[in-house]
Amino acid sequence: MVDTARITELYFDSKLKQVDIAKQFNITKQYVSKIVRKDPRYTEEKRLKHNKSKQRKNEYNKKYFKSYTRKDRKSTKDEDAAFEATLAKDRRLLSTKKQISKDNFVQSSIGAYIQDKNGNLVKNPKINSSYALPNTYKRNTQVLMWNQIYG
């Protein structure tokens, strides 16, 4: 027979862990937990341990954020130049013509689309865009079937 009073004394007074108590009495950790939970001091002990853990986490976060520096992504000159070229092309296209083709209009707003499995463009529902943009845009691409590629 296991001495439950001794187990609760080791847990609450000596502050031993349940695993250590279980090894000492050659019983399972679950059985020690069952005995400890029946004690009226358990809820208070649990609250104290929770608050102590919370305090340790807050102290860790304070130290961490004092030394933390966010790494900025540096864009390369090539990326910047390519982006500027795309913007310049779109500005030229949209400003020089009174009417532009649907293809050019969609191309200038390509960021508002996602590609479906057939290669067509579908307006991304997460992006608010002009009502003038078509919801779907069928590209003039042929989707090849497996047997067309591999015979």
Protein backbone atom coordinates (compact mmCIF):
# COMPACT_ATOMS: atom_id res chain seq x y z
CA MET A 1 0.00 0.00 0.00
CA VAL A 2 1.28 3.42 -0.98
CA ASP A 3 1.50 6.16 1.63
CA THR A 4 -0.62 8.94 0.06
CA ALA A 5 0.21 11.37 2.89
CA ARG A 6 3.93 10.95 2.17
CA ILE A 7 3.34 11.50 -1.57
CA THR A 8 1.39 14.71 -1.00
CA GLU A 9 4.02 15.89 1.48
CA LEU A 10 6.82 15.35 -1.06
CA TYR A 11 4.86 17.12 -3.77
CA PHE A 12 3.56 20.14 -1.85
CA ASP A 13 6.16 20.64 0.88
CA SER A 14 9.37 19.31 -0.68
CA LYS A 15 8.36 20.54 -4.17
CA LEU A 16 9.41 17.32 -5.89
CA LYS A 17 8.16 16.59 -9.39
CA GLN A 18 5.58 13.87 -9.95
CA VAL A 19 8.07 11.85 -12.02
CA ASP A 20 10.61 11.84 -9.20
CA ILE A 21 8.00 10.80 -6.64
CA ALA A 22 6.80 8.00 -8.94
CA LYS A 23 10.36 6.66 -9.28
CA GLN A 24 10.90 6.83 -5.53
CA PHE A 25 7.76 4.78 -4.75
CA ASN A 26 8.02 2.62 -7.89
CA ILE A 27 4.58 3.64 -9.13
CA THR A 28 3.31 5.39 -12.25
CA LYS A 29 3.32 9.14 -12.70
CA GLN A 30 -0.40 8.99 -13.46
CA TYR A 31 -1.09 7.42 -10.05
CA VAL A 32 0.91 10.17 -8.33
CA SER A 33 -1.08 12.76 -10.28
CA LYS A 34 -4.34 11.14 -9.21
CA ILE A 35 -3.34 11.29 -5.54
CA VAL A 36 -2.08 14.88 -5.77
CA ARG A 37 -5.23 16.13 -7.53
CA LYS A 38 -7.41 14.91 -4.66
CA ASP A 39 -5.57 17.16 -2.21
CA PRO A 40 -7.29 20.54 -1.49
CA ARG A 41 -3.96 22.38 -1.93
CA TYR A 42 -3.73 21.26 -5.57
CA THR A 43 -5.69 24.13 -7.19
CA GLU A 44 -3.65 26.75 -5.34
CA GLU A 45 -0.39 25.02 -6.24
CA LYS A 46 -1.44 24.80 -9.88
CA ARG A 47 -2.31 28.52 -9.95
CA LEU A 48 1.06 29.43 -8.39
CA LYS A 49 2.97 27.31 -10.91
CA HIS A 50 1.00 28.86 -13.77
CA ASN A 51 1.77 32.40 -12.58
CA LYS A 52 5.45 31.56 -12.13
CA SER A 53 5.60 30.14 -15.65
CA LYS A 54 3.86 33.22 -17.03
CA GLN A 55 6.36 35.47 -15.26
CA ARG A 56 9.33 33.50 -16.67
CA LYS A 57 7.88 33.81 -20.16
CA ASN A 58 7.40 37.58 -19.78
CA GLU A 59 11.01 37.99 -18.61
CA TYR A 60 12.26 35.90 -21.53
CA ASN A 61 10.23 37.98 -24.01
CA LYS A 62 11.59 41.23 -22.57
CA LYS A 63 15.19 40.01 -22.98
CA TYR A 64 14.48 38.64 -26.44
CA PHE A 65 12.85 41.79 -27.80
CA LYS A 66 15.59 44.03 -26.41
CA SER A 67 18.15 42.28 -28.61
CA TYR A 68 15.88 41.40 -31.55
CA THR A 69 16.44 43.24 -34.79
CA ARG A 70 14.25 42.62 -37.78
CA LYS A 71 16.11 41.70 -40.92
CA ASP A 72 15.10 43.95 -43.77
CA ARG A 73 14.98 42.36 -47.15
CA LYS A 74 17.19 44.32 -49.48
CA SER A 75 15.93 44.25 -53.02
CA THR A 76 18.56 44.00 -55.67
CA LYS A 77 19.14 46.65 -58.28
CA ASP A 78 18.06 44.19 -60.98
CA GLU A 79 14.72 43.58 -59.27
CA ASP A 80 14.15 47.30 -58.84
CA ALA A 81 15.04 47.99 -62.47
CA ALA A 82 12.73 45.22 -63.73
CA PHE A 83 9.88 46.54 -61.58
CA GLU A 84 10.43 50.11 -62.79
CA ALA A 85 10.47 48.91 -66.40
CA THR A 86 7.15 47.10 -65.91
CA LEU A 87 5.59 50.19 -64.33
CA ALA A 88 6.89 52.42 -67.12
CA LYS A 89 5.49 50.07 -69.76
CA ASP A 90 2.09 50.04 -68.05
CA ARG A 91 2.07 53.83 -67.68
CA ARG A 92 2.93 54.27 -71.35
CA LEU A 93 0.28 51.78 -72.40
CA LEU A 94 -2.47 53.28 -70.27
CA SER A 95 -1.70 56.93 -70.96
CA THR A 96 -1.09 56.97 -74.73
CA LYS A 97 -4.20 55.24 -75.99
CA LYS A 98 -7.80 56.29 -75.64
CA GLN A 99 -8.82 52.67 -75.83
CA ILE A 100 -6.74 49.69 -74.92
CA SER A 101 -7.35 46.06 -75.62
CA LYS A 102 -8.68 43.71 -73.00
CA ASP A 103 -5.37 41.83 -73.16
CA ASN A 104 -3.35 44.94 -72.33
CA PHE A 105 -5.77 45.98 -69.59
CA VAL A 106 -5.56 42.57 -67.90
CA GLN A 107 -1.78 42.51 -68.37
CA SER A 108 -1.44 45.87 -66.63
CA SER A 109 -3.47 44.51 -63.69
CA ILE A 110 -1.88 41.06 -63.58
CA GLY A 111 -1.36 41.27 -59.80
CA ALA A 112 -5.11 41.05 -59.24
CA TYR A 113 -5.32 37.59 -60.79
CA ILE A 114 -4.45 34.04 -59.90
CA GLN A 115 -3.98 31.24 -62.37
CA ASP A 116 -6.35 28.28 -62.45
CA LYS A 117 -5.43 24.70 -63.43
CA ASN A 118 -6.14 25.38 -67.12
CA GLY A 119 -3.78 28.34 -67.31
CA ASN A 120 -6.59 30.93 -67.33
CA LEU A 121 -6.59 33.95 -65.04
CA VAL A 122 -9.25 34.31 -62.35
CA LYS A 123 -9.69 37.48 -60.28
CA ASN A 124 -8.31 36.91 -56.80
CA PRO A 125 -11.23 37.20 -54.33
CA LYS A 126 -8.88 38.50 -51.61
CA ILE A 127 -8.05 41.60 -53.65
CA ASN A 128 -10.45 44.52 -54.06
CA SER A 129 -10.24 45.65 -57.66
CA SER A 130 -12.08 47.73 -60.18
CA TYR A 131 -15.39 46.44 -61.52
CA ALA A 132 -13.90 47.01 -64.98
CA LEU A 133 -11.51 44.09 -64.55
CA PRO A 134 -12.98 40.90 -65.97
CA ASN A 135 -13.57 38.13 -63.41
CA THR A 136 -11.97 35.55 -65.68
CA TYR A 137 -9.59 35.92 -68.54
CA LYS A 138 -9.06 33.02 -70.89
CA ARG A 139 -5.54 32.92 -72.18
CA ASN A 140 -4.85 31.78 -75.69
CA THR A 141 -2.86 28.80 -74.50
CA GLN A 142 -3.43 25.19 -75.30
CA VAL A 143 -3.47 22.73 -72.43
CA LEU A 144 -1.78 19.59 -73.65
CA MET A 145 -3.07 16.23 -72.56
CA TRP A 146 -0.74 13.51 -71.27
CA ASN A 147 -1.13 11.39 -74.42
CA GLN A 148 -0.32 14.39 -76.66
CA ILE A 149 2.99 14.87 -74.91
CA TYR A 150 4.09 11.27 -74.46
CA GLY A 151 2.22 9.66 -77.37
